[in-house]
Protein backbone atom coordinates (compact mmCIF):
# COMPACT_ATOMS: atom_id res chain seq x y z
CA PHE A 1 253.94 139.61 67.71
CA LEU A 2 252.75 136.21 69.12
CA VAL A 3 249.61 135.01 67.48
CA GLN A 4 248.10 131.62 67.02
CA GLY A 5 247.67 131.56 63.30
CA PHE A 6 250.31 131.37 60.58
CA GLN A 7 249.98 133.42 57.52
CA PRO A 8 251.99 133.13 54.31
CA ILE A 9 254.44 136.07 53.93
CA THR A 10 256.71 137.09 51.20
CA ILE A 11 260.36 137.83 52.07
CA VAL A 12 262.57 140.27 49.94
CA PRO A 13 266.19 139.87 50.94
CA PRO A 14 268.78 142.44 50.06
CA ILE A 15 270.12 140.19 47.28
CA GLY A 16 266.94 140.68 45.27
CA ARG A 17 265.55 137.18 45.42
CA ILE A 18 261.97 136.57 46.51
CA TYR A 19 261.10 133.82 48.84
CA GLN A 20 257.50 132.91 49.51
CA PHE A 21 256.75 130.40 52.22
CA GLU A 22 254.13 129.24 54.69
CA SER A 23 255.15 128.50 58.28
CA ARG A 24 254.75 124.84 59.26
CA TYR A 25 256.67 123.22 62.17
CA ASP A 26 256.84 119.63 63.05
CA SER A 27 259.06 117.26 65.13
CA ILE A 28 259.79 119.91 67.80
CA LYS A 29 261.50 118.89 70.94
CA PRO A 30 263.75 120.51 73.60
CA PHE A 31 267.31 119.09 73.91
CA SER A 32 269.32 118.44 77.06
CA THR A 33 271.44 121.07 78.63
CA ASN A 34 273.73 118.76 80.59
CA GLY A 35 277.11 120.23 81.10
CA VAL A 36 275.86 123.81 81.91
CA LYS A 37 278.00 125.15 84.79
CA ARG A 38 276.27 128.39 85.84
CA GLY A 39 274.08 131.26 84.55
CA ARG A 40 271.29 131.20 82.04
CA PHE A 41 273.68 132.16 79.19
CA GLN A 42 275.72 128.99 79.45
CA SER A 43 275.33 126.38 76.82
CA SER A 44 276.69 122.69 77.08
CA GLY A 45 279.40 123.35 74.56
CA LYS A 46 278.39 120.37 72.20
CA ASN A 47 278.51 120.89 68.56
CA SER A 48 275.65 120.16 66.34
CA ASP A 49 276.69 116.45 65.71
CA ASP A 50 275.98 115.72 69.25
CA PHE A 51 272.25 116.45 68.84
CA ASP A 52 271.20 113.70 66.40
CA GLY A 53 272.09 115.57 63.23
CA ALA A 54 270.40 118.89 64.26
CA LYS A 55 272.06 121.92 62.77
CA GLU A 56 273.10 124.47 65.35
CA LEU A 57 272.21 127.99 64.21
CA LYS A 58 275.04 130.25 64.87
CA TRP A 59 273.62 133.85 65.19
CA ASP A 60 275.72 137.00 64.66
CA VAL A 61 274.28 138.92 67.60
CA PRO A 62 276.07 142.20 66.94
CA ARG A 63 274.86 142.11 63.36
CA LEU A 64 271.39 141.13 64.42
CA LEU A 65 271.12 144.04 66.80
CA HIS A 66 272.81 146.42 64.20
CA GLN A 67 270.19 145.50 61.72
CA TYR A 68 267.27 146.20 64.16
CA SER A 69 268.81 149.50 65.32
CA ASN A 70 269.92 151.07 62.05
CA GLY A 71 267.90 149.65 59.20
CA ASP A 72 264.54 148.76 57.86
CA THR A 73 263.42 145.92 60.19
CA SER A 74 260.16 144.82 58.54
CA VAL A 75 261.88 141.88 56.66
CA LEU A 76 263.92 140.92 59.68
CA GLU A 77 260.99 141.14 61.96
CA HIS A 78 258.78 138.79 59.84
CA LEU A 79 261.68 136.17 59.89
CA LEU A 80 262.24 136.43 63.61
CA VAL A 81 258.50 136.11 64.53
CA ASP A 82 258.33 132.76 62.53
CA VAL A 83 261.48 131.51 64.20
CA TYR A 84 260.29 132.52 67.70
CA LYS A 85 256.70 131.17 67.14
CA ALA A 86 258.29 127.85 66.26
CA ALA A 87 260.26 127.74 69.40
CA ILE A 88 257.21 128.56 71.51
CA LEU A 89 255.35 125.61 69.91
CA GLY A 90 258.24 123.40 70.62
CA CYS A 91 258.30 124.30 74.42
CA ARG A 92 254.54 124.23 74.78
CA LYS A 93 253.56 120.93 73.14
CA PRO A 94 251.89 119.02 75.93
CA GLU A 95 253.18 115.62 74.91
CA LEU A 96 256.83 116.65 75.32
CA SER A 97 256.90 116.83 79.17
CA THR A 98 254.26 117.33 81.84
CA ALA A 99 257.06 119.31 83.74
CA THR A 100 257.10 121.69 80.75
CA SER A 101 253.35 122.30 80.22
CA ASN A 102 251.71 121.71 83.65
CA PHE A 103 252.30 123.22 86.95
CA GLN A 104 253.50 120.99 89.62
CA LYS A 105 251.20 120.81 92.67
CA GLU A 106 253.80 119.60 95.11
CA GLU A 107 253.97 120.89 98.56
CA GLN A 108 256.72 123.43 99.05
CA PRO A 109 257.98 124.83 102.35
CA LEU A 110 256.46 128.30 102.04
CA PRO A 111 257.13 131.18 104.38
CA ASP A 112 254.55 131.69 107.03
CA CYS A 113 253.28 134.81 105.49
CA LEU A 114 252.33 132.98 102.24
CA ALA A 115 250.91 129.87 103.78
CA PRO A 116 247.26 131.14 103.67
CA MET A 117 247.76 131.52 99.82
CA SER A 118 249.25 128.04 99.22
CA ARG A 119 246.35 127.03 96.93
CA PHE A 120 247.30 129.93 94.55
CA ILE A 121 251.10 129.24 94.61
CA ARG A 122 252.44 127.79 91.38
CA SER A 123 255.40 125.61 90.79
CA SER A 124 256.89 124.51 87.57
CA LYS A 125 260.33 123.48 86.19
CA SER A 126 259.93 125.44 83.07
CA ASP A 127 260.56 129.26 83.34
CA ILE A 128 257.96 130.12 80.67
CA ASP A 129 255.28 128.71 82.89
CA ASN A 130 256.26 131.19 85.59
CA GLU A 131 256.22 134.22 83.30
CA GLY A 132 254.72 137.21 84.77
CA HIS A 133 254.85 135.72 88.25
CA PHE A 134 256.70 136.77 91.31
CA ARG A 135 259.25 134.20 92.62
CA VAL A 136 258.67 132.82 96.04
CA PHE A 137 262.01 132.29 97.84
CA VAL A 138 261.76 128.81 99.46
CA ASP A 139 264.43 126.66 101.14
CA ASP A 140 264.67 124.36 98.24
CA PRO A 141 267.10 125.96 95.64
CA LEU A 142 265.83 123.70 92.78
CA SER A 143 262.29 124.67 93.14
CA SER A 144 260.61 127.19 90.92
CA THR A 145 257.80 128.53 92.99
CA SER A 146 255.85 131.66 92.05
CA LEU A 147 252.99 133.91 93.09
CA PRO A 148 250.59 134.76 90.26
CA SER A 149 250.43 138.53 89.60
CA ASN A 150 246.55 138.73 89.49
CA LEU A 151 246.44 137.79 93.24
CA LEU A 152 249.16 140.36 93.97
CA PHE A 153 247.41 143.27 92.29
CA SER A 154 244.04 142.39 94.01
CA MET A 155 245.69 143.50 97.20
CA ASP A 156 245.40 147.05 98.67
CA PHE A 157 249.14 147.58 98.88
CA PRO A 158 250.85 145.35 96.31
CA LEU A 159 254.21 147.22 96.48
CA SER A 160 254.42 146.85 100.35
CA PHE A 161 253.58 143.08 99.83
CA ILE A 162 256.45 142.79 97.47
CA ARG A 163 258.81 144.66 99.71
CA LYS A 164 257.94 142.60 102.95
CA ASN A 165 256.93 139.09 101.68
CA LEU A 166 258.40 138.50 98.19
CA SER A 167 261.82 139.96 98.60
CA TYR A 168 264.96 137.88 99.32
CA GLN A 169 267.00 138.58 102.30
CA SER A 170 269.75 136.39 103.62
CA ASP A 171 269.58 134.98 107.05
CA PHE A 172 272.67 136.96 108.02
CA SER A 173 270.72 140.16 108.26
CA LYS A 174 266.86 139.88 107.89
CA ARG A 175 266.72 143.68 108.24
CA GLY A 176 269.22 144.22 105.50
CA GLY A 177 272.76 145.76 105.59
CA ILE A 178 273.96 149.31 105.25
CA LEU A 179 272.50 149.49 101.75
CA SER A 180 268.93 148.35 102.82
CA ASP A 181 266.22 150.90 102.57
CA ASN A 182 262.71 150.23 103.54
CA SER A 183 261.42 152.97 101.35
CA GLU A 184 261.86 151.04 98.05
CA ALA A 185 260.42 147.81 96.53
CA VAL A 186 263.19 146.57 94.26
CA VAL A 187 261.91 144.26 91.48
CA TRP A 188 264.54 142.42 89.47
CA CYS A 189 263.45 141.30 86.06
CA VAL A 190 265.49 138.09 85.38
CA GLN A 191 265.06 134.45 84.31
CA LYS A 192 264.71 131.60 86.63
CA ASP A 193 268.34 130.54 86.94
CA GLN A 194 269.72 133.95 87.49
CA ASP A 195 271.12 133.63 91.05
CA LEU A 196 269.42 136.56 92.62
CA GLU A 197 270.40 135.35 96.10
CA TYR A 198 274.06 136.03 95.30
CA THR A 199 273.15 139.49 93.85
CA SER A 200 271.38 140.40 97.04
CA ARG A 201 274.28 139.32 99.28
CA ALA A 202 276.80 141.10 97.09
CA LEU A 203 274.80 144.22 97.64
CA ASP A 204 275.07 143.79 101.43
CA SER A 205 271.81 141.79 101.75
CA MET A 206 269.65 144.29 99.99
CA PRO A 207 266.01 143.00 99.69
CA LEU A 208 265.33 142.12 96.11
CA ALA A 209 262.22 140.66 94.47
CA GLN A 210 262.25 138.63 91.22
CA LEU A 211 259.73 138.96 88.36
CA HIS A 212 259.92 136.00 85.96
CA LEU A 213 260.07 137.28 82.35
CA GLY A 214 260.03 133.73 81.02
CA ASN A 215 262.80 132.60 78.75
CA LEU A 216 262.54 129.71 76.33
CA PRO A 217 264.88 126.81 76.89
CA ASN A 218 267.33 125.35 74.24
CA CYS A 219 265.33 123.54 71.66
CA GLU A 220 265.30 121.69 68.36
CA ILE A 221 262.74 122.74 65.55
CA GLU A 222 262.26 122.29 61.94
CA LEU A 223 262.45 125.50 59.85
CA ASP A 224 261.68 126.20 56.33
CA LEU A 225 264.86 126.11 53.99
CA GLU A 226 263.73 129.42 52.31
CA LEU A 227 263.51 131.16 55.77
CA LEU A 228 267.09 130.05 56.66
CA LYS A 229 268.41 131.30 53.30
CA SER A 230 266.63 134.64 53.93
CA LEU A 231 268.36 134.90 57.29
CA GLU A 232 271.66 134.13 55.67
CA ALA A 233 271.02 136.94 53.05
CA LEU A 234 270.51 139.32 55.84
CA GLY A 235 273.79 138.12 57.41
CA VAL A 236 272.35 137.44 60.84
CA ILE A 237 273.35 133.78 60.90
CA THR A 238 276.84 132.77 60.34
CA GLY A 239 279.07 129.81 59.44
CA GLU A 240 279.34 127.42 56.60
CA ASN A 241 275.67 126.11 55.96
CA HIS A 242 275.21 123.19 53.73
CA TYR A 243 271.47 122.43 53.55
CA PRO A 244 270.14 119.23 51.87
CA MET A 245 268.82 120.24 48.43
CA ARG A 246 265.97 117.66 48.41
CA ASP A 247 264.40 118.75 51.67
CA SER A 248 262.26 121.85 52.19
CA LYS A 249 262.76 121.62 56.05
CA VAL A 250 265.88 121.70 58.08
CA ARG A 251 266.22 120.51 61.68
CA CYS A 252 267.89 123.27 63.68
CA LYS A 253 269.04 123.79 67.12
CA LEU A 254 268.34 127.10 68.94
CA LEU A 255 270.03 128.34 72.10
CA SER A 256 268.09 130.08 74.89
CA GLN A 257 270.23 133.19 74.81
CA ASP A 258 269.62 133.60 71.07
CA LEU A 259 265.95 133.41 71.59
CA ASP A 260 266.23 136.17 74.37
CA VAL A 261 267.77 138.39 71.75
CA MET A 262 264.96 137.74 69.31
CA ARG A 263 262.33 138.53 71.99
CA SER A 264 264.06 141.75 72.91
CA ILE A 265 263.98 142.90 69.26
CA LEU A 266 260.20 141.93 68.96
CA SER A 267 259.28 143.46 72.20
CA PHE A 268 258.32 146.77 70.79
CA ASN A 269 255.97 145.20 68.23
CA ILE A 270 253.47 143.76 70.59
CA ASP A 271 249.95 143.90 69.05
CA GLU A 272 247.95 145.51 71.88
CA GLN A 273 244.75 144.15 70.31
CA LYS A 274 245.98 140.57 71.10
CA LEU A 275 247.73 141.45 74.32
CA GLU A 276 244.93 140.26 76.68
CA ARG A 277 244.58 136.88 75.09
CA ALA A 278 248.17 136.10 74.05
CA PRO A 279 249.49 133.36 76.58
CA TYR A 280 253.11 134.33 76.23
CA LEU A 281 252.95 138.09 77.22
CA ASP A 282 252.40 137.68 80.87
CA GLY A 283 255.66 139.42 81.76
CA HIS A 284 254.67 142.49 79.66
CA ARG A 285 251.26 142.57 81.24
CA THR A 286 252.57 142.34 84.83
CA LEU A 287 255.19 145.11 84.17
CA VAL A 288 252.47 147.38 82.93
CA LYS A 289 250.31 146.67 85.94
CA LEU A 290 253.29 147.14 88.17
CA ILE A 291 253.99 150.59 86.77
CA ASP A 292 250.28 151.51 87.05
CA SER A 293 250.27 150.53 90.65
CA ALA A 294 253.31 152.60 91.40
CA VAL A 295 251.86 155.67 89.68
CA GLN A 296 248.57 155.26 91.46
CA SER A 297 250.40 155.20 94.78
CA VAL A 298 252.05 158.48 93.84
CA ARG A 299 248.60 160.04 93.09
CA ASN A 300 247.33 158.74 96.44
CA ASN A 301 250.36 160.13 98.20
CA PHE A 302 249.40 163.61 96.94
CA VAL A 303 246.32 163.47 99.19
CA GLY A 304 248.17 161.73 101.98
CA ASN A 305 246.69 158.25 101.57
CA SER A 306 249.73 156.28 100.22
CA LYS A 307 251.66 153.84 102.38
CA GLU A 308 253.49 152.24 99.42
CA PRO A 309 257.27 152.09 98.93
CA HIS A 310 258.95 153.48 95.78
CA LEU A 311 259.13 151.16 92.91
CA VAL A 312 262.62 150.29 91.48
CA ILE A 313 262.84 147.94 88.33
CA CYS A 314 266.13 146.42 87.57
CA ALA A 315 266.92 144.68 84.25
CA GLN A 316 270.08 143.24 82.62
CA SER A 317 271.08 142.90 79.01
CA THR A 318 268.08 141.88 76.66
CA ASN A 319 265.58 142.08 79.54
CA ALA A 320 265.97 145.88 79.60
CA SER A 321 264.08 145.97 76.19
CA MET A 322 261.03 144.15 77.82
CA VAL A 323 261.06 146.81 80.56
CA ALA A 324 261.37 149.73 78.17
CA ALA A 325 258.62 148.32 75.93
CA ALA A 326 256.26 148.03 79.03
CA LEU A 327 257.01 151.56 80.16
CA ALA A 328 256.32 152.88 76.52
CA ALA A 329 253.16 150.82 76.38
CA TRP A 330 251.85 152.18 79.74
CA LYS A 331 252.74 155.83 78.72
CA GLN A 332 251.01 155.52 75.33
CA GLN A 333 247.91 154.04 76.97
CA LYS A 334 247.62 156.86 79.39
CA LEU A 335 248.21 159.49 76.63
CA ARG A 336 245.26 158.00 74.81
CA ASN A 337 243.00 157.72 77.66
CA ASN A 338 243.96 160.92 79.66
CA TYR A 339 244.04 163.76 77.23
CA SER A 340 243.43 166.23 79.96
CA ASP A 341 246.49 165.26 81.95
CA GLY A 342 248.91 166.12 79.13
CA LYS A 343 252.21 164.45 78.14
CA GLN A 344 254.35 166.46 80.65
CA HIS A 345 252.06 165.45 83.64
CA ILE A 346 252.34 161.88 82.77
CA GLU A 347 256.08 162.03 82.50
CA ASP A 348 256.22 163.78 85.80
CA LEU A 349 254.20 161.09 87.44
CA LEU A 350 256.49 158.48 86.01
CA ARG A 351 259.59 160.28 87.21
CA THR A 352 258.18 160.44 90.78
CA ALA A 353 256.93 156.88 90.83
CA VAL A 354 259.48 154.68 89.01
CA THR A 355 263.22 154.35 89.04
CA VAL A 356 264.65 152.07 86.33
CA VAL A 357 268.25 150.54 86.79
CA THR A 358 269.86 148.76 83.80
CA PHE A 359 273.04 146.53 83.68
CA GLY A 360 274.68 146.23 80.35
CA ALA A 361 271.41 146.95 78.48
CA VAL A 362 271.22 146.48 74.79
CA CYS A 363 268.37 149.01 74.15
CA LYS A 364 268.07 152.34 72.87
CA LYS A 365 264.35 153.01 73.15
CA TYR A 366 263.72 154.33 76.75
CA CYS A 367 260.77 156.73 76.89
CA ASN A 368 260.97 159.98 78.80
CA GLY A 369 259.59 159.99 82.22
CA PRO A 370 261.09 157.37 84.67
CA ALA A 371 264.43 158.10 86.59
CA TYR A 372 266.90 156.03 84.67
CA ILE A 373 270.27 154.81 85.91
CA HIS A 374 272.26 152.93 83.18
CA ILE A 375 275.26 150.90 84.48
CA SER A 376 277.73 149.37 82.12
CA MET A 377 281.43 148.68 81.56
CA HIS A 378 283.45 150.84 79.15
CA ASP A 379 284.76 147.59 77.51
CA ASP A 380 281.37 146.07 77.20
CA GLN A 381 281.01 146.24 73.32
CA LEU A 382 277.35 145.17 73.32
CA ALA A 383 276.23 147.88 75.71
CA SER A 384 278.52 150.46 74.03
CA ASN A 385 277.37 149.75 70.51
CA PHE A 386 273.74 148.77 71.03
CA GLY A 387 272.83 150.41 74.38
CA VAL A 388 273.11 153.88 75.78
CA THR A 389 276.13 155.38 77.50
CA HIS A 390 277.28 158.76 78.49
CA LYS A 391 278.89 159.24 75.04
CA SER A 392 275.75 158.09 73.29
CA LYS A 393 272.69 159.20 75.24
CA ARG A 394 270.14 159.24 72.37
CA GLY A 395 267.31 157.00 73.41
CA GLY A 396 268.40 156.68 77.02
CA GLY A 397 265.65 158.74 78.54
CA GLU A 398 265.56 162.32 79.66
CA ASP A 399 267.90 163.21 82.55
CA ALA A 400 269.22 159.74 82.75
CA VAL A 401 272.32 159.02 84.93
CA TYR A 402 275.22 156.94 83.40
CA LEU A 403 277.74 155.06 85.53
CA HIS A 404 280.60 153.40 83.90
CA ALA A 405 283.94 151.73 84.89
CA TRP A 406 286.51 149.51 83.22
CA SER A 407 286.29 145.76 84.07
CA PRO A 408 289.38 143.68 84.79
CA TYR A 409 288.53 141.49 81.74
CA ILE A 410 289.42 144.21 79.19
CA GLY A 411 291.19 142.89 76.07
CA ARG A 412 290.41 139.23 76.89
CA LYS A 413 288.36 138.58 73.68
CA ASP A 414 288.16 140.84 70.54
CA ALA A 415 285.46 138.99 68.55
CA ILE A 416 281.94 139.42 70.00
CA MET A 417 279.46 137.06 68.34
CA SER A 418 277.09 136.27 71.24
CA LEU A 419 275.91 137.75 74.65
CA THR A 420 278.43 135.59 76.52
CA ASP A 421 281.61 136.26 74.57
CA HIS A 422 283.00 138.83 76.90
CA ASP A 423 282.66 138.90 80.72
CA SER A 424 282.43 142.70 80.89
CA HIS A 425 278.75 142.02 80.01
CA ASN A 426 278.32 139.70 82.95
CA MET A 427 276.46 141.43 85.57
CA ASN A 428 277.31 139.22 88.60
CA ALA A 429 281.11 139.17 87.65
CA CYS A 430 281.61 143.07 87.71
CA ALA A 431 278.58 145.32 87.34
CA ILE A 432 277.07 144.53 90.72
CA GLN A 433 280.39 144.97 92.59
CA PHE A 434 280.79 148.37 90.83
CA LEU A 435 277.28 149.43 91.92
CA TYR A 436 278.11 148.30 95.60
CA LEU A 437 281.27 150.46 95.72
CA VAL A 438 279.62 153.61 94.25
CA MET A 439 276.80 153.34 96.74
CA ARG A 440 278.87 152.56 99.85
CA MET A 441 281.57 155.13 99.28
CA ASN A 442 278.95 157.90 98.94
CA GLY A 443 276.73 156.63 101.85
CA VAL A 444 273.79 155.97 99.57
CA THR A 445 271.27 153.58 100.80
CA SER A 446 268.63 153.48 97.94
CA PHE A 447 268.54 153.61 94.13
CA ARG A 448 266.45 156.82 94.17
CA ALA A 449 268.98 158.56 96.45
CA LEU A 450 271.63 157.33 94.03
CA TYR A 451 269.82 159.03 91.10
CA ASN A 452 269.25 162.24 93.08
CA ALA A 453 272.79 162.46 94.13
CA ALA A 454 274.10 161.95 90.50
CA ARG A 455 271.59 164.69 89.31
CA TYR A 456 272.47 167.14 91.98
CA LEU A 457 273.88 170.45 90.82
CA ASP A 458 275.42 172.52 93.56
CA PRO A 459 274.67 176.22 92.67
CA THR A 460 277.70 177.41 94.71
CA ALA A 461 280.07 175.20 92.63
CA VAL A 462 279.50 177.22 89.50
CA LEU A 463 282.83 178.64 88.50
CA ASP A 464 283.80 181.31 86.06
CA ILE A 465 286.72 179.14 84.90
CA ASN A 466 286.70 175.52 83.52
CA PRO A 467 287.94 173.26 86.39
CA ARG A 468 290.09 171.48 83.74
CA ASN A 469 292.34 174.45 83.73
CA PHE A 470 293.31 173.81 87.38
CA ALA A 471 296.41 171.92 88.26
CA ILE A 472 294.23 169.24 89.92
CA ASP A 473 290.84 168.65 88.30
CA TYR A 474 288.57 167.31 91.10
CA SER A 475 285.52 167.28 88.74
CA ARG A 476 286.89 164.23 86.84
CA HIS A 477 285.99 161.95 89.64
CA LYS A 478 282.60 163.33 90.47
CA LEU A 479 279.17 162.82 88.95
CA GLY A 480 276.71 165.39 90.43
CA ASP A 481 277.28 164.86 94.15
CA LEU A 482 278.65 161.44 93.66
CA LEU A 483 282.25 160.59 94.25
CA ILE A 484 283.92 158.05 91.92
CA ALA A 485 287.19 157.06 93.42
CA PRO A 486 290.23 157.49 91.08
CA ASN A 487 291.53 154.07 91.82
CA MET A 488 288.07 152.41 91.11
CA ASP A 489 289.19 150.58 87.89
CA ASP A 490 292.66 149.52 88.90
CA GLU A 491 292.24 148.65 92.56
CA LEU A 492 288.77 148.79 94.10
CA LEU A 493 286.73 146.99 91.51
CA PRO A 494 289.13 144.09 91.11
CA ALA A 495 289.45 143.88 94.99
CA MET A 496 285.65 143.86 95.41
CA ILE A 497 285.21 141.07 92.66
CA ARG A 498 287.77 138.98 94.57
CA ALA A 499 286.08 139.69 97.96
CA THR A 500 282.61 138.68 96.66
CA ARG A 501 284.09 135.83 94.55
CA GLY A 502 282.53 137.29 91.46
CA ASP A 503 284.93 135.28 89.35
CA GLN A 504 282.75 132.18 89.92
CA TRP A 505 280.27 133.49 87.46
CA LEU A 506 282.75 133.98 84.63
CA TRP A 507 281.34 132.69 81.22
CA ASN A 508 284.86 132.25 79.87
CA GLN A 509 286.33 129.55 82.20
CA SER A 510 289.61 129.77 80.36
CA LEU A 511 290.30 133.01 82.23
CA ASN A 512 292.61 132.49 85.19
CA SER A 513 291.28 134.76 87.98
CA CYS A 514 294.68 134.65 89.68
CA ASP A 515 296.13 136.58 86.61
CA ILE A 516 293.40 139.33 86.39
CA LEU A 517 292.40 139.77 90.04
CA PRO A 518 294.37 140.46 93.18
CA ASP A 519 294.80 137.82 95.68
CA SER A 520 292.72 137.99 99.08
CA GLN A 521 295.48 139.73 101.04
CA GLU A 522 295.91 142.49 98.27
CA ALA A 523 292.15 142.89 97.89
CA LYS A 524 291.78 143.07 101.62
CA ALA A 525 294.43 145.97 101.81
CA HIS A 526 292.67 147.89 98.93
CA LEU A 527 289.18 147.69 100.58
CA GLU A 528 290.30 148.51 104.09
CA GLU A 529 292.40 151.38 102.91
CA TYR A 530 289.27 153.00 101.56
CA PHE A 531 286.49 151.80 103.76
CA GLY A 532 288.30 151.00 107.09
CA TYR A 533 289.32 147.93 109.11
CA SER A 534 287.38 144.64 108.89
CA THR A 535 285.59 145.76 105.69
CA TYR A 536 286.83 142.52 103.88
CA GLU A 537 285.70 140.29 106.67
CA GLU A 538 282.31 141.96 106.68
CA ILE A 539 281.88 141.27 102.96
CA ILE A 540 282.93 137.62 103.46
CA GLU A 541 280.56 137.08 106.28
CA VAL A 542 277.47 138.52 104.37
CA LEU A 543 278.25 136.20 101.46
CA SER A 544 278.90 133.25 103.79
CA ILE A 545 282.14 132.50 102.05
CA LYS A 546 284.89 130.51 103.64
CA ASP A 547 288.08 132.34 102.89
């Protein structure tokens, strides 16, 4: 969907009017993000008047996703392609900033294992410049250093290299905690400012690698007036919009999180003929190569020649669409090129080679094959309405596992207009803690073991009477061979959020964590009652928190 040329297109909105225009964009520049507290979804909170008269486009994200999921998307896709291309041009103009368009060649304190590759290491302040590259965790937290994927895939054992040299582990335990498993290479598909170090520590120092998918920053662009009217006709932009009648262009402000939603919608419409030469699809290409490397290692293992760990791909929210699109692209490519293998054989290879874990994903297009684990909160309206759950499994992938809980933030906000309107969609504020609790209480040390336990069916447990007819229904708190504690929602999850200080990642800063979470003493009591003495202190120690 990303091409260099701009072609005139005709838009037919539902109201019956026809708009014909040709895309031309000038005076494009990024704007400041001062005032951002944490997380890539935060905005500065300024209104459109604070940006030199630029009009802030307020997108109705639920309606945008609904239009794409349930209707004819040809008109919407044409409009979004033009908006996204304009944003790309704005972020890629070389005269804007050398930090945006050029890689910085500054010396970075690289780990010893990467020192011989220093000439290939790239550094840039722009996340889009690191797209498709694997993050290098250096001592400087402000540095954005990455290893190009073409260098990685030229190695004999790329997954082993990811596991040993590109995965983050805290100094507290270089060999990982009780959830660490050397049999897996866990690749997290997130943007630059997602704090993966915290995620690793919250999962008891689990080794995690980071693949940059490259998100566009907040920017100001000029859009055609007719394009904006077409978006209004579709109902995907909201607010009272008064455009100057004498101008054919309108200067608009776009937020990074809204551009991420557009990209997730367009991710399944990538033109494979342009894939190899398109400069902004590096993330997609790297994911396809990563999947191919994992499947090849499985093939080699059949003859006893594989030393590679199992591949686990994790993604949150809109990034899950990018992963799903890469999986579908790899599968379609193999189906075209390997007719003799057959569809079932290719899906079996994917099932053996790849485990996919999603958190609050807004995608319903997962192809059959991989082992899927979909994690979300019951009160996450975005994941419930536009993702897959145990109540809405269509498009979630064959034999997928669904793990759900209620977040402590239930009922805090009714109107959902963007990705950050409800903290139940916030991975570091609740979903990671829920995952940790499920894995620890079941003694699971890897994502693949988690999937197998959830899919396990004990043949001796088949009864001739429905367990719901018993006085006590023990099956309500089990998923396969996994135990889900009955006090998970009310006690354990809020206590774990308090212990890991998950409330520091809240998007809605007006929430008072003291009102919705237990204090440290109550949290300690809940966790030690279930997991034993000193559990609370162990979590605090791994996270390096001063209580």
